[in-house]
Every structure is written in C-alpha cells, then in structure tokens.
Amino acid sequence: MEEFAGEVFAPLTRADQRVKGGSYLRGLLLDRRRKSMQPMAGRLGGVDHQQVRQYMTSLLAG
C-alpha cells in the first residue's frame, strides 16, 4: 500500500502533500461505510479531517 501511494503521489513536489495523499488513500480503502473526511480521519487516528479536506480541495483546484 505504501509503495502504491508513493507512486501515485510521487509527482507532488511537497513531502507533506505526499503524506496527506497517502493518508487519504488509506482512508478510502478502509473497510467502513462512510467515506466522508471526518469519519475517515477518525479511523486513521491522529489525522485532522480539516487538513485532509483542505488538501483535497487544493488538489482539485490546482
């Protein structure tokens, strides 16, 4: 999983963006029903859902 995330987010120049991308990807793949930011961040433990939301907004806008 880490290797795949590394490949997917390799084009991003900032390391923090690559880390957040990996967290988002893990959140999507977790075996739970809700895929909205807050529940995903809670399952990942220690991840701020606002940061994940801001990250995704910046990727989609950019």
Protein backbone atom coordinates (compact mmCIF):
# COMPACT_ATOMS: atom_id res chain seq x y z
CA MET A 1 0.00 0.00 0.00
CA GLU A 2 2.77 2.43 0.92
CA GLU A 3 4.60 1.68 -2.31
CA PHE A 4 1.44 2.27 -4.35
CA ALA A 5 0.73 5.56 -2.57
CA GLY A 6 4.33 6.60 -3.16
CA GLU A 7 3.92 6.03 -6.88
CA VAL A 8 0.54 7.76 -7.09
CA PHE A 9 1.66 10.87 -5.23
CA ALA A 10 5.27 11.00 -6.48
CA PRO A 11 4.55 13.92 -8.85
CA LEU A 12 3.68 16.16 -5.88
CA THR A 13 6.67 18.32 -5.03
CA ARG A 14 6.00 18.75 -1.30
CA ALA A 15 6.56 15.87 1.09
CA ASP A 16 3.63 16.90 3.31
CA GLN A 17 1.30 16.66 0.31
CA ARG A 18 2.53 13.15 -0.43
CA VAL A 19 1.96 12.12 3.20
CA LYS A 20 -1.56 13.58 3.25
CA GLY A 21 -2.32 11.89 -0.05
CA GLY A 22 -1.27 8.55 1.40
CA SER A 23 -3.50 9.13 4.42
CA TYR A 24 -6.45 9.97 2.21
CA LEU A 25 -5.88 6.88 0.10
CA ARG A 26 -5.72 4.65 3.20
CA GLY A 27 -8.94 6.25 4.45
CA LEU A 28 -10.71 5.40 1.21
CA LEU A 29 -9.57 1.80 1.34
CA LEU A 30 -10.52 1.12 4.96
CA ASP A 31 -13.37 -1.32 5.37
CA ARG A 32 -16.04 1.07 6.59
CA ARG A 33 -19.18 2.54 5.11
CA ARG A 34 -18.68 6.30 5.44
CA LYS A 35 -16.03 7.85 3.24
CA SER A 36 -16.52 11.49 4.25
CA MET A 37 -13.49 13.31 5.66
CA GLN A 38 -14.33 13.34 9.36
CA PRO A 39 -15.10 9.61 9.78
CA MET A 40 -12.09 8.67 7.63
CA ALA A 41 -9.75 10.88 9.65
CA GLY A 42 -11.09 9.40 12.89
CA ARG A 43 -10.36 5.86 11.70
CA LEU A 44 -6.85 6.83 10.64
CA GLY A 45 -6.09 8.12 14.14
CA GLY A 46 -4.30 11.39 14.70
CA VAL A 47 -5.29 12.83 11.32
CA ASP A 48 -7.06 16.19 11.32
CA HIS A 49 -10.05 15.97 9.00
CA GLN A 50 -9.79 19.68 8.20
CA GLN A 51 -6.24 19.17 6.89
CA VAL A 52 -7.38 16.28 4.71
CA ARG A 53 -10.30 18.36 3.39
CA GLN A 54 -8.02 21.31 2.67
CA TYR A 55 -5.54 19.01 0.94
CA MET A 56 -8.19 17.55 -1.37
CA THR A 57 -9.58 21.00 -2.15
CA SER A 58 -6.13 22.27 -3.10
CA LEU A 59 -5.51 19.25 -5.36
CA LEU A 60 -8.82 19.60 -7.14
CA ALA A 61 -8.41 23.36 -7.59
CA GLY A 62 -4.89 23.14 -8.79
